[in-house]
Amino acid sequence: MTSKWRLVLASLALLGVGSCTSDAMSPEVERIGVVSFVEVEGGCWKIVHDNTSYEPVHLDPDYRIDGLRVEFSARLAPDLGSFCMVGTLVEITSIGRLD
């Protein structure tokens, strides 16, 4: 391998490290957020925490209430896809209502 290619590969590796966010580095998130319905592709659900949106792969029907405050834990699901694309895809591991 030439030194030119080594430099290119090293640069790409550094770019990848620099582009990571705190959620991308952690496979699990624990947040308090608000459930929100988005009218796209027939309707999608997301949970908003601060300025970050999480799109649950499956949100239990008991929690599909627009404006509901919840506390949730979830695993990031970067290997899955979505038609909605309204937030970071997550698999909910636990969820509860905040009244």
N, C-alpha and C. Protein backbone atom coordinates (compact mmCIF):
# COMPACT_ATOMS: atom_id res chain seq x y z
N MET A 1 0.85 -1.17 0.00
CA MET A 1 0.00 0.00 0.00
C MET A 1 0.89 1.24 0.00
N THR A 2 0.58 2.16 -0.86
CA THR A 2 1.39 3.37 -0.96
C THR A 2 1.07 4.32 0.19
N SER A 3 2.00 5.24 0.44
CA SER A 3 1.79 6.19 1.53
C SER A 3 0.60 7.11 1.23
N LYS A 4 0.32 7.35 -0.06
CA LYS A 4 -0.84 8.17 -0.42
C LYS A 4 -2.13 7.51 0.07
N TRP A 5 -2.28 6.19 -0.15
CA TRP A 5 -3.48 5.47 0.27
C TRP A 5 -3.56 5.38 1.78
N ARG A 6 -2.44 5.24 2.44
CA ARG A 6 -2.44 5.22 3.90
C ARG A 6 -2.96 6.54 4.45
N LEU A 7 -2.53 7.64 3.83
CA LEU A 7 -2.99 8.96 4.25
C LEU A 7 -4.49 9.11 4.02
N VAL A 8 -4.99 8.64 2.88
CA VAL A 8 -6.42 8.72 2.58
C VAL A 8 -7.22 7.90 3.59
N LEU A 9 -6.80 6.68 3.87
CA LEU A 9 -7.50 5.82 4.82
C LEU A 9 -7.47 6.41 6.23
N ALA A 10 -6.34 6.95 6.63
CA ALA A 10 -6.24 7.57 7.96
C ALA A 10 -7.17 8.78 8.05
N SER A 11 -7.26 9.57 6.99
CA SER A 11 -8.15 10.74 6.98
C SER A 11 -9.61 10.31 7.09
N LEU A 12 -9.98 9.27 6.36
CA LEU A 12 -11.35 8.79 6.42
C LEU A 12 -11.69 8.27 7.81
N ALA A 13 -10.75 7.59 8.44
CA ALA A 13 -10.97 7.08 9.80
C ALA A 13 -11.18 8.22 10.78
N LEU A 14 -10.41 9.28 10.65
CA LEU A 14 -10.56 10.44 11.54
C LEU A 14 -11.89 11.14 11.31
N LEU A 15 -12.33 11.24 10.07
CA LEU A 15 -13.62 11.84 9.78
C LEU A 15 -14.75 11.05 10.41
N GLY A 16 -14.66 9.74 10.38
CA GLY A 16 -15.68 8.89 10.99
C GLY A 16 -15.76 9.08 12.49
N VAL A 17 -14.62 9.20 13.15
CA VAL A 17 -14.61 9.41 14.60
C VAL A 17 -15.18 10.77 14.94
N GLY A 18 -14.85 11.78 14.19
CA GLY A 18 -15.31 13.13 14.46
C GLY A 18 -16.80 13.32 14.24
N SER A 19 -17.42 12.46 13.45
CA SER A 19 -18.83 12.66 13.14
C SER A 19 -19.76 11.95 14.11
N CYS A 20 -19.23 11.25 15.09
CA CYS A 20 -20.06 10.53 16.05
C CYS A 20 -20.75 11.49 17.01
N THR A 21 -22.02 11.20 17.31
CA THR A 21 -22.72 11.97 18.33
C THR A 21 -22.74 11.14 19.60
N SER A 22 -23.18 11.73 20.68
CA SER A 22 -23.21 10.99 21.94
C SER A 22 -24.14 9.78 21.83
N ASP A 23 -25.31 9.91 21.14
CA ASP A 23 -26.20 8.77 20.98
C ASP A 23 -25.59 7.70 20.10
N ALA A 24 -24.87 8.11 19.07
CA ALA A 24 -24.28 7.13 18.16
C ALA A 24 -23.22 6.30 18.87
N MET A 25 -22.59 6.87 19.88
CA MET A 25 -21.55 6.14 20.60
C MET A 25 -22.14 5.23 21.67
N SER A 26 -23.36 5.48 22.09
CA SER A 26 -24.00 4.69 23.11
C SER A 26 -25.16 3.92 22.49
N PRO A 27 -25.17 2.59 22.65
CA PRO A 27 -26.24 1.81 22.03
C PRO A 27 -27.57 1.91 22.77
N GLU A 28 -27.58 2.53 23.95
CA GLU A 28 -28.81 2.63 24.74
C GLU A 28 -29.02 4.07 25.17
N VAL A 29 -30.28 4.53 25.13
CA VAL A 29 -30.61 5.88 25.59
C VAL A 29 -31.68 5.80 26.66
N GLU A 30 -31.62 6.71 27.61
CA GLU A 30 -32.67 6.86 28.62
C GLU A 30 -33.06 8.31 28.62
N ARG A 31 -34.33 8.59 28.35
CA ARG A 31 -34.78 9.96 28.16
C ARG A 31 -36.18 10.17 28.72
N ILE A 32 -36.50 11.45 28.89
CA ILE A 32 -37.87 11.89 29.13
C ILE A 32 -38.25 12.67 27.89
N GLY A 33 -39.43 12.37 27.35
CA GLY A 33 -39.82 13.04 26.12
C GLY A 33 -41.32 13.13 25.97
N VAL A 34 -41.74 13.66 24.84
CA VAL A 34 -43.15 13.83 24.53
C VAL A 34 -43.46 13.05 23.25
N VAL A 35 -44.50 12.21 23.32
CA VAL A 35 -44.94 11.44 22.16
C VAL A 35 -45.62 12.39 21.19
N SER A 36 -45.31 12.22 19.92
CA SER A 36 -45.87 13.11 18.90
C SER A 36 -46.26 12.31 17.67
N PHE A 37 -47.43 12.64 17.11
CA PHE A 37 -47.90 12.00 15.88
C PHE A 37 -47.52 12.89 14.70
N VAL A 38 -46.97 12.28 13.68
CA VAL A 38 -46.55 13.01 12.48
C VAL A 38 -47.33 12.44 11.30
N GLU A 39 -48.02 13.31 10.57
CA GLU A 39 -48.81 12.86 9.43
C GLU A 39 -47.94 12.76 8.19
N VAL A 40 -47.19 11.67 8.11
CA VAL A 40 -46.36 11.38 6.96
C VAL A 40 -46.46 9.88 6.70
N GLU A 41 -46.53 9.49 5.45
CA GLU A 41 -46.62 8.06 5.08
C GLU A 41 -47.75 7.34 5.81
N GLY A 42 -48.89 7.99 5.99
CA GLY A 42 -50.01 7.35 6.66
C GLY A 42 -50.01 7.55 8.16
N GLY A 43 -49.01 8.19 8.69
CA GLY A 43 -48.94 8.48 10.13
C GLY A 43 -47.80 7.75 10.80
N CYS A 44 -47.03 8.49 11.55
CA CYS A 44 -45.87 7.92 12.26
C CYS A 44 -45.82 8.51 13.66
N TRP A 45 -45.21 7.76 14.56
CA TRP A 45 -45.04 8.21 15.94
C TRP A 45 -43.58 8.48 16.20
N LYS A 46 -43.33 9.50 17.01
CA LYS A 46 -41.97 9.79 17.45
C LYS A 46 -42.03 10.26 18.89
N ILE A 47 -40.89 10.22 19.55
CA ILE A 47 -40.77 10.76 20.89
C ILE A 47 -39.70 11.83 20.83
N VAL A 48 -40.05 13.03 21.28
CA VAL A 48 -39.14 14.17 21.19
C VAL A 48 -38.56 14.48 22.56
N HIS A 49 -37.24 14.54 22.62
CA HIS A 49 -36.49 14.92 23.83
C HIS A 49 -35.61 16.10 23.45
N ASP A 50 -35.82 17.25 24.10
CA ASP A 50 -35.12 18.48 23.72
C ASP A 50 -35.33 18.70 22.22
N ASN A 51 -34.29 18.78 21.45
CA ASN A 51 -34.42 18.97 20.00
C ASN A 51 -34.13 17.69 19.22
N THR A 52 -34.18 16.56 19.90
CA THR A 52 -33.87 15.28 19.26
C THR A 52 -35.14 14.43 19.17
N SER A 53 -35.37 13.86 17.99
CA SER A 53 -36.54 12.99 17.79
C SER A 53 -36.09 11.54 17.69
N TYR A 54 -36.82 10.68 18.37
CA TYR A 54 -36.58 9.24 18.31
C TYR A 54 -37.82 8.60 17.70
N GLU A 55 -37.61 7.73 16.72
CA GLU A 55 -38.72 7.02 16.08
C GLU A 55 -38.72 5.58 16.57
N PRO A 56 -39.69 5.23 17.43
CA PRO A 56 -39.75 3.85 17.92
C PRO A 56 -40.11 2.90 16.78
N VAL A 57 -39.40 1.77 16.73
CA VAL A 57 -39.71 0.74 15.74
C VAL A 57 -41.12 0.23 15.99
N HIS A 58 -41.49 0.06 17.26
CA HIS A 58 -42.85 -0.33 17.63
C HIS A 58 -43.19 0.40 18.91
N LEU A 59 -44.19 1.27 18.84
CA LEU A 59 -44.66 1.97 20.03
C LEU A 59 -45.97 1.32 20.45
N ASP A 60 -46.00 0.82 21.67
CA ASP A 60 -47.18 0.17 22.21
C ASP A 60 -48.39 1.09 22.04
N PRO A 61 -49.52 0.54 21.59
CA PRO A 61 -50.72 1.37 21.38
C PRO A 61 -51.15 2.17 22.61
N ASP A 62 -50.86 1.69 23.81
CA ASP A 62 -51.21 2.41 25.03
C ASP A 62 -50.49 3.75 25.15
N TYR A 63 -49.40 3.92 24.41
CA TYR A 63 -48.60 5.14 24.47
C TYR A 63 -48.73 5.99 23.20
N ARG A 64 -49.61 5.61 22.33
CA ARG A 64 -49.82 6.38 21.08
C ARG A 64 -50.84 7.49 21.34
N ILE A 65 -50.41 8.45 22.16
CA ILE A 65 -51.25 9.59 22.52
C ILE A 65 -50.43 10.85 22.27
N ASP A 66 -50.85 11.63 21.29
CA ASP A 66 -50.12 12.85 20.93
C ASP A 66 -50.04 13.77 22.15
N GLY A 67 -48.83 14.19 22.51
CA GLY A 67 -48.62 15.09 23.64
C GLY A 67 -48.35 14.39 24.96
N LEU A 68 -48.37 13.07 24.99
CA LEU A 68 -48.13 12.31 26.22
C LEU A 68 -46.67 12.41 26.64
N ARG A 69 -46.43 12.79 27.90
CA ARG A 69 -45.06 12.83 28.43
C ARG A 69 -44.70 11.43 28.93
N VAL A 70 -43.52 10.95 28.52
CA VAL A 70 -43.07 9.61 28.90
C VAL A 70 -41.61 9.62 29.32
N GLU A 71 -41.28 8.62 30.10
CA GLU A 71 -39.88 8.31 30.42
C GLU A 71 -39.62 6.98 29.74
N PHE A 72 -38.52 6.91 28.96
CA PHE A 72 -38.29 5.68 28.21
C PHE A 72 -36.81 5.33 28.13
N SER A 73 -36.58 4.05 27.95
CA SER A 73 -35.25 3.53 27.64
C SER A 73 -35.37 2.83 26.30
N ALA A 74 -34.32 2.94 25.49
CA ALA A 74 -34.37 2.35 24.16
C ALA A 74 -32.97 2.02 23.67
N ARG A 75 -32.92 1.03 22.79
CA ARG A 75 -31.68 0.68 22.10
C ARG A 75 -31.71 1.31 20.73
N LEU A 76 -30.61 1.89 20.32
CA LEU A 76 -30.52 2.43 18.97
C LEU A 76 -30.63 1.28 17.98
N ALA A 77 -31.27 1.51 16.86
CA ALA A 77 -31.49 0.48 15.85
C ALA A 77 -30.96 0.96 14.50
N PRO A 78 -29.63 1.15 14.39
CA PRO A 78 -29.06 1.68 13.15
C PRO A 78 -29.15 0.73 11.96
N ASP A 79 -29.41 -0.55 12.22
CA ASP A 79 -29.48 -1.53 11.14
C ASP A 79 -30.89 -1.65 10.54
N LEU A 80 -31.85 -0.88 11.08
CA LEU A 80 -33.22 -0.93 10.58
C LEU A 80 -33.52 0.31 9.74
N GLY A 81 -34.57 0.22 8.93
CA GLY A 81 -34.96 1.34 8.09
C GLY A 81 -36.40 1.74 8.37
N SER A 82 -36.80 2.89 7.84
CA SER A 82 -38.14 3.40 8.08
C SER A 82 -38.60 4.22 6.88
N PHE A 83 -39.89 4.13 6.58
CA PHE A 83 -40.47 4.99 5.55
C PHE A 83 -40.67 6.40 6.09
N CYS A 84 -40.90 6.51 7.39
CA CYS A 84 -41.22 7.80 8.00
C CYS A 84 -40.00 8.72 8.08
N MET A 85 -38.90 8.21 8.55
CA MET A 85 -37.66 8.98 8.72
C MET A 85 -37.91 10.27 9.51
N VAL A 86 -38.56 10.13 10.69
CA VAL A 86 -38.87 11.30 11.51
C VAL A 86 -37.97 11.40 12.74
N GLY A 87 -37.00 10.51 12.86
CA GLY A 87 -36.09 10.54 14.00
C GLY A 87 -35.15 9.36 13.98
N THR A 88 -34.29 9.32 14.98
CA THR A 88 -33.37 8.21 15.14
C THR A 88 -34.16 6.96 15.49
N LEU A 89 -33.98 5.89 14.74
CA LEU A 89 -34.72 4.65 14.99
C LEU A 89 -34.25 4.00 16.28
N VAL A 90 -35.23 3.63 17.13
CA VAL A 90 -34.93 2.97 18.40
C VAL A 90 -35.92 1.85 18.66
N GLU A 91 -35.47 0.88 19.45
CA GLU A 91 -36.34 -0.18 19.96
C GLU A 91 -36.56 0.11 21.43
N ILE A 92 -37.79 0.37 21.82
CA ILE A 92 -38.13 0.70 23.19
C ILE A 92 -37.91 -0.53 24.08
N THR A 93 -37.15 -0.37 25.16
CA THR A 93 -36.94 -1.46 26.11
C THR A 93 -37.81 -1.27 27.35
N SER A 94 -38.13 -0.02 27.69
CA SER A 94 -39.08 0.25 28.76
C SER A 94 -39.65 1.65 28.55
N ILE A 95 -40.90 1.82 28.99
CA ILE A 95 -41.57 3.11 28.82
C ILE A 95 -42.61 3.27 29.92
N GLY A 96 -42.79 4.49 30.37
CA GLY A 96 -43.80 4.77 31.38
C GLY A 96 -44.33 6.17 31.24
N ARG A 97 -45.56 6.37 31.65
CA ARG A 97 -46.21 7.69 31.58
C ARG A 97 -45.70 8.59 32.69
N LEU A 98 -45.61 9.86 32.37
CA LEU A 98 -45.32 10.88 33.37
C LEU A 98 -46.54 11.79 33.45
N ASP A 99 -47.18 11.81 34.59
CA ASP A 99 -48.38 12.65 34.74
C ASP A 99 -48.09 13.92 35.47
